Amino acid sequence: MSLLSDHFPLLVLLAALLAAFFALLWKEDPADGRRFFLKALLGLVGGAVALGFLFQAVSR
């Protein structure tokens, strides 16, 4: 399966782009920006994975 045809790498790429955009937009200090980027990235990817498992459990 190709890297660009699988959903998870595209989800991580989109989450990384969004986290970088919001970190650059909202944080002035580079250390705060990196910390916010990691928190946002983990929150976006973790939330999507958790919702995926929840939807899979509910749909059975």
PDB file of N, CA and C in Angstrom:
ATOM      1  N   MET A   1       0.845  -1.186   0.000  1.00  0.00           N
ATOM      2  CA  MET A   1       0.000   0.000   0.000  1.00  0.00           C
ATOM      3  C   MET A   1       0.886   1.244   0.000  1.00  0.00           C
ATOM      4  N   SER A   2       0.535   2.195  -0.780  1.00  0.00           N
ATOM      5  CA  SER A   2       1.314   3.419  -0.906  1.00  0.00           C
ATOM      6  C   SER A   2       1.150   4.302   0.332  1.00  0.00           C
ATOM      7  N   LEU A   3       2.183   5.068   0.587  1.00  0.00           N
ATOM      8  CA  LEU A   3       2.158   5.952   1.755  1.00  0.00           C
ATOM      9  C   LEU A   3       1.059   7.001   1.640  1.00  0.00           C
ATOM     10  N   LEU A   4       0.807   7.476   0.431  1.00  0.00           N
ATOM     11  CA  LEU A   4      -0.200   8.524   0.244  1.00  0.00           C
ATOM     12  C   LEU A   4      -1.609   7.969   0.043  1.00  0.00           C
ATOM     13  N   SER A   5      -1.748   6.651  -0.070  1.00  0.00           N
ATOM     14  CA  SER A   5      -3.096   6.099  -0.203  1.00  0.00           C
ATOM     15  C   SER A   5      -3.621   5.562   1.125  1.00  0.00           C
ATOM     16  N   ASP A   6      -2.763   5.489   2.130  1.00  0.00           N
ATOM     17  CA  ASP A   6      -3.190   5.047   3.449  1.00  0.00           C
ATOM     18  C   ASP A   6      -3.679   6.262   4.243  1.00  0.00           C
ATOM     19  N   HIS A   7      -4.677   6.055   5.082  1.00  0.00           N
ATOM     20  CA  HIS A   7      -5.278   7.185   5.792  1.00  0.00           C
ATOM     21  C   HIS A   7      -4.432   7.693   6.965  1.00  0.00           C
ATOM     22  N   PHE A   8      -3.777   6.800   7.688  1.00  0.00           N
ATOM     23  CA  PHE A   8      -3.080   7.231   8.898  1.00  0.00           C
ATOM     24  C   PHE A   8      -1.909   8.180   8.629  1.00  0.00           C
ATOM     25  N   PRO A   9      -1.022   7.903   7.652  1.00  0.00           N
ATOM     26  CA  PRO A   9       0.038   8.897   7.386  1.00  0.00           C
ATOM     27  C   PRO A   9      -0.513  10.248   6.940  1.00  0.00           C
ATOM     28  N   LEU A  10      -1.599  10.242   6.198  1.00  0.00           N
ATOM     29  CA  LEU A  10      -2.206  11.516   5.800  1.00  0.00           C
ATOM     30  C   LEU A  10      -2.797  12.241   7.001  1.00  0.00           C
ATOM     31  N   LEU A  11      -3.362  11.490   7.947  1.00  0.00           N
ATOM     32  CA  LEU A  11      -3.886  12.085   9.174  1.00  0.00           C
ATOM     33  C   LEU A  11      -2.761  12.722   9.976  1.00  0.00           C
ATOM     34  N   VAL A  12      -1.642  12.024  10.097  1.00  0.00           N
ATOM     35  CA  VAL A  12      -0.504  12.556  10.850  1.00  0.00           C
ATOM     36  C   VAL A  12       0.069  13.790  10.150  1.00  0.00           C
ATOM     37  N   LEU A  13       0.146  13.753   8.828  1.00  0.00           N
ATOM     38  CA  LEU A  13       0.633  14.915   8.075  1.00  0.00           C
ATOM     39  C   LEU A  13      -0.273  16.129   8.272  1.00  0.00           C
ATOM     40  N   LEU A  14      -1.576  15.929   8.169  1.00  0.00           N
ATOM     41  CA  LEU A  14      -2.513  17.031   8.382  1.00  0.00           C
ATOM     42  C   LEU A  14      -2.434  17.561   9.812  1.00  0.00           C
ATOM     43  N   ALA A  15      -2.345  16.663  10.785  1.00  0.00           N
ATOM     44  CA  ALA A  15      -2.235  17.083  12.184  1.00  0.00           C
ATOM     45  C   ALA A  15      -0.951  17.868  12.413  1.00  0.00           C
ATOM     46  N   ALA A  16       0.155  17.441  11.789  1.00  0.00           N
ATOM     47  CA  ALA A  16       1.423  18.156  11.948  1.00  0.00           C
ATOM     48  C   ALA A  16       1.350  19.544  11.325  1.00  0.00           C
ATOM     49  N   LEU A  17       0.729  19.641  10.161  1.00  0.00           N
ATOM     50  CA  LEU A  17       0.587  20.958   9.525  1.00  0.00           C
ATOM     51  C   LEU A  17      -0.296  21.886  10.350  1.00  0.00           C
ATOM     52  N   LEU A  18      -1.396  21.370  10.855  1.00  0.00           N
ATOM     53  CA  LEU A  18      -2.279  22.187  11.689  1.00  0.00           C
ATOM     54  C   LEU A  18      -1.600  22.606  12.984  1.00  0.00           C
ATOM     55  N   ALA A  19      -0.901  21.673  13.624  1.00  0.00           N
ATOM     56  CA  ALA A  19      -0.212  21.989  14.879  1.00  0.00           C
ATOM     57  C   ALA A  19       0.879  23.032  14.646  1.00  0.00           C
ATOM     58  N   ALA A  20       1.616  22.907  13.552  1.00  0.00           N
ATOM     59  CA  ALA A  20       2.657  23.895  13.251  1.00  0.00           C
ATOM     60  C   ALA A  20       2.051  25.266  12.972  1.00  0.00           C
ATOM     61  N   PHE A  21       0.967  25.288  12.220  1.00  0.00           N
ATOM     62  CA  PHE A  21       0.312  26.561  11.917  1.00  0.00           C
ATOM     63  C   PHE A  21      -0.154  27.251  13.195  1.00  0.00           C
ATOM     64  N   PHE A  22      -0.843  26.515  14.067  1.00  0.00           N
ATOM     65  CA  PHE A  22      -1.350  27.137  15.287  1.00  0.00           C
ATOM     66  C   PHE A  22      -0.226  27.484  16.253  1.00  0.00           C
ATOM     67  N   ALA A  23       0.831  26.703  16.288  1.00  0.00           N
ATOM     68  CA  ALA A  23       1.968  27.042  17.153  1.00  0.00           C
ATOM     69  C   ALA A  23       2.635  28.326  16.681  1.00  0.00           C
ATOM     70  N   LEU A  24       2.777  28.483  15.376  1.00  0.00           N
ATOM     71  CA  LEU A  24       3.369  29.717  14.850  1.00  0.00           C
ATOM     72  C   LEU A  24       2.435  30.910  15.027  1.00  0.00           C
ATOM     73  N   LEU A  25       1.151  30.664  14.960  1.00  0.00           N
ATOM     74  CA  LEU A  25       0.168  31.739  15.058  1.00  0.00           C
ATOM     75  C   LEU A  25       0.023  32.249  16.489  1.00  0.00           C
ATOM     76  N   TRP A  26       0.032  31.336  17.467  1.00  0.00           N
ATOM     77  CA  TRP A  26      -0.332  31.711  18.828  1.00  0.00           C
ATOM     78  C   TRP A  26       0.825  31.899  19.784  1.00  0.00           C
ATOM     79  N   LYS A  27       1.991  31.331  19.504  1.00  0.00           N
ATOM     80  CA  LYS A  27       3.084  31.377  20.479  1.00  0.00           C
ATOM     81  C   LYS A  27       4.236  32.217  19.958  1.00  0.00           C
ATOM     82  N   GLU A  28       4.721  33.124  20.784  1.00  0.00           N
ATOM     83  CA  GLU A  28       5.836  33.992  20.427  1.00  0.00           C
ATOM     84  C   GLU A  28       7.181  33.349  20.771  1.00  0.00           C
ATOM     85  N   ASP A  29       7.272  32.731  21.938  1.00  0.00           N
ATOM     86  CA  ASP A  29       8.503  32.114  22.399  1.00  0.00           C
ATOM     87  C   ASP A  29       8.713  30.774  21.689  1.00  0.00           C
ATOM     88  N   PRO A  30       9.906  30.529  21.139  1.00  0.00           N
ATOM     89  CA  PRO A  30      10.133  29.270  20.415  1.00  0.00           C
ATOM     90  C   PRO A  30       9.959  28.018  21.288  1.00  0.00           C
ATOM     91  N   ALA A  31      10.354  28.107  22.548  1.00  0.00           N
ATOM     92  CA  ALA A  31      10.195  26.952  23.437  1.00  0.00           C
ATOM     93  C   ALA A  31       8.711  26.665  23.680  1.00  0.00           C
ATOM     94  N   ASP A  32       7.924  27.717  23.889  1.00  0.00           N
ATOM     95  CA  ASP A  32       6.485  27.539  24.060  1.00  0.00           C
ATOM     96  C   ASP A  32       5.833  27.016  22.777  1.00  0.00           C
ATOM     97  N   GLY A  33       6.329  27.474  21.635  1.00  0.00           N
ATOM     98  CA  GLY A  33       5.799  27.011  20.361  1.00  0.00           C
ATOM     99  C   GLY A  33       6.047  25.531  20.135  1.00  0.00           C
ATOM    100  N   ARG A  34       7.253  25.072  20.468  1.00  0.00           N
ATOM    101  CA  ARG A  34       7.558  23.637  20.316  1.00  0.00           C
ATOM    102  C   ARG A  34       6.714  22.792  21.257  1.00  0.00           C
ATOM    103  N   ARG A  35       6.551  23.261  22.486  1.00  0.00           N
ATOM    104  CA  ARG A  35       5.741  22.530  23.473  1.00  0.00           C
ATOM    105  C   ARG A  35       4.279  22.475  23.015  1.00  0.00           C
ATOM    106  N   PHE A  36       3.774  23.587  22.529  1.00  0.00           N
ATOM    107  CA  PHE A  36       2.394  23.616  22.031  1.00  0.00           C
ATOM    108  C   PHE A  36       2.238  22.728  20.802  1.00  0.00           C
ATOM    109  N   PHE A  37       3.244  22.736  19.899  1.00  0.00           N
ATOM    110  CA  PHE A  37       3.198  21.886  18.718  1.00  0.00           C
ATOM    111  C   PHE A  37       3.084  20.420  19.112  1.00  0.00           C
ATOM    112  N   LEU A  38       3.906  19.974  20.050  1.00  0.00           N
ATOM    113  CA  LEU A  38       3.856  18.567  20.465  1.00  0.00           C
ATOM    114  C   LEU A  38       2.529  18.220  21.129  1.00  0.00           C
ATOM    115  N   LYS A  39       2.042  19.108  21.984  1.00  0.00           N
ATOM    116  CA  LYS A  39       0.752  18.851  22.641  1.00  0.00           C
ATOM    117  C   LYS A  39      -0.386  18.804  21.623  1.00  0.00           C
ATOM    118  N   ALA A  40      -0.380  19.731  20.693  1.00  0.00           N
ATOM    119  CA  ALA A  40      -1.433  19.766  19.679  1.00  0.00           C
ATOM    120  C   ALA A  40      -1.348  18.553  18.765  1.00  0.00           C
ATOM    121  N   LEU A  41      -0.146  18.175  18.361  1.00  0.00           N
ATOM    122  CA  LEU A  41       0.033  17.011  17.492  1.00  0.00           C
ATOM    123  C   LEU A  41      -0.447  15.743  18.183  1.00  0.00           C
ATOM    124  N   LEU A  42      -0.024  15.544  19.407  1.00  0.00           N
ATOM    125  CA  LEU A  42      -0.455  14.351  20.147  1.00  0.00           C
ATOM    126  C   LEU A  42      -1.955  14.380  20.408  1.00  0.00           C
ATOM    127  N   GLY A  43      -2.504  15.539  20.684  1.00  0.00           N
ATOM    128  CA  GLY A  43      -3.938  15.648  20.911  1.00  0.00           C
ATOM    129  C   GLY A  43      -4.752  15.350  19.662  1.00  0.00           C
ATOM    130  N   LEU A  44      -4.318  15.877  18.532  1.00  0.00           N
ATOM    131  CA  LEU A  44      -5.047  15.649  17.287  1.00  0.00           C
ATOM    132  C   LEU A  44      -4.967  14.193  16.845  1.00  0.00           C
ATOM    133  N   VAL A  45      -3.768  13.621  16.853  1.00  0.00           N
ATOM    134  CA  VAL A  45      -3.610  12.224  16.421  1.00  0.00           C
ATOM    135  C   VAL A  45      -4.247  11.275  17.436  1.00  0.00           C
ATOM    136  N   GLY A  46      -3.995  11.517  18.709  1.00  0.00           N
ATOM    137  CA  GLY A  46      -4.576  10.656  19.746  1.00  0.00           C
ATOM    138  C   GLY A  46      -6.090  10.717  19.769  1.00  0.00           C
ATOM    139  N   GLY A  47      -6.640  11.910  19.580  1.00  0.00           N
ATOM    140  CA  GLY A  47      -8.095  12.043  19.542  1.00  0.00           C
ATOM    141  C   GLY A  47      -8.709  11.341  18.342  1.00  0.00           C
ATOM    142  N   ALA A  48      -8.044  11.424  17.202  1.00  0.00           N
ATOM    143  CA  ALA A  48      -8.553  10.753  16.008  1.00  0.00           C
ATOM    144  C   ALA A  48      -8.493   9.238  16.161  1.00  0.00           C
ATOM    145  N   VAL A  49      -7.410   8.734  16.737  1.00  0.00           N
ATOM    146  CA  VAL A  49      -7.296   7.286  16.947  1.00  0.00           C
ATOM    147  C   VAL A  49      -8.332   6.819  17.965  1.00  0.00           C
ATOM    148  N   ALA A  50      -8.512   7.571  19.042  1.00  0.00           N
ATOM    149  CA  ALA A  50      -9.493   7.200  20.053  1.00  0.00           C
ATOM    150  C   ALA A  50     -10.910   7.206  19.473  1.00  0.00           C
ATOM    151  N   LEU A  51     -11.229   8.219  18.682  1.00  0.00           N
ATOM    152  CA  LEU A  51     -12.548   8.252  18.046  1.00  0.00           C
ATOM    153  C   LEU A  51     -12.730   7.111  17.054  1.00  0.00           C
ATOM    154  N   GLY A  52     -11.663   6.739  16.372  1.00  0.00           N
ATOM    155  CA  GLY A  52     -11.734   5.605  15.446  1.00  0.00           C
ATOM    156  C   GLY A  52     -12.063   4.318  16.173  1.00  0.00           C
ATOM    157  N   PHE A  53     -11.404   4.086  17.320  1.00  0.00           N
ATOM    158  CA  PHE A  53     -11.713   2.897  18.102  1.00  0.00           C
ATOM    159  C   PHE A  53     -13.125   2.954  18.665  1.00  0.00           C
ATOM    160  N   LEU A  54     -13.561   4.124  19.085  1.00  0.00           N
ATOM    161  CA  LEU A  54     -14.917   4.264  19.618  1.00  0.00           C
ATOM    162  C   LEU A  54     -15.954   3.995  18.540  1.00  0.00           C
ATOM    163  N   PHE A  55     -15.767   4.541  17.359  1.00  0.00           N
ATOM    164  CA  PHE A  55     -16.724   4.304  16.257  1.00  0.00           C
ATOM    165  C   PHE A  55     -16.737   2.840  15.850  1.00  0.00           C
ATOM    166  N   GLN A  56     -15.564   2.186  15.895  1.00  0.00           N
ATOM    167  CA  GLN A  56     -15.513   0.790  15.536  1.00  0.00           C
ATOM    168  C   GLN A  56     -16.259  -0.055  16.566  1.00  0.00           C
ATOM    169  N   ALA A  57     -16.134   0.294  17.854  1.00  0.00           N
ATOM    170  CA  ALA A  57     -16.832  -0.450  18.897  1.00  0.00           C
ATOM    171  C   ALA A  57     -18.336  -0.231  18.820  1.00  0.00           C
ATOM    172  N   VAL A  58     -18.761   0.964  18.493  1.00  0.00           N
ATOM    173  CA  VAL A  58     -20.194   1.278  18.450  1.00  0.00           C
ATOM    174  C   VAL A  58     -20.847   0.639  17.218  1.00  0.00           C
ATOM    175  N   SER A  59     -20.112   0.541  16.124  1.00  0.00           N
ATOM    176  CA  SER A  59     -20.718   0.048  14.878  1.00  0.00           C
ATOM    177  C   SER A  59     -20.874  -1.469  14.858  1.00  0.00           C
ATOM    178  N   ARG A  60     -20.342  -2.175  15.805  1.00  0.00           N
ATOM    179  CA  ARG A  60     -20.480  -3.649  15.828  1.00  0.00           C
ATOM    180  C   ARG A  60     -21.797  -4.078  16.370  1.00  0.00           C
TER     181      ARG A  60
END
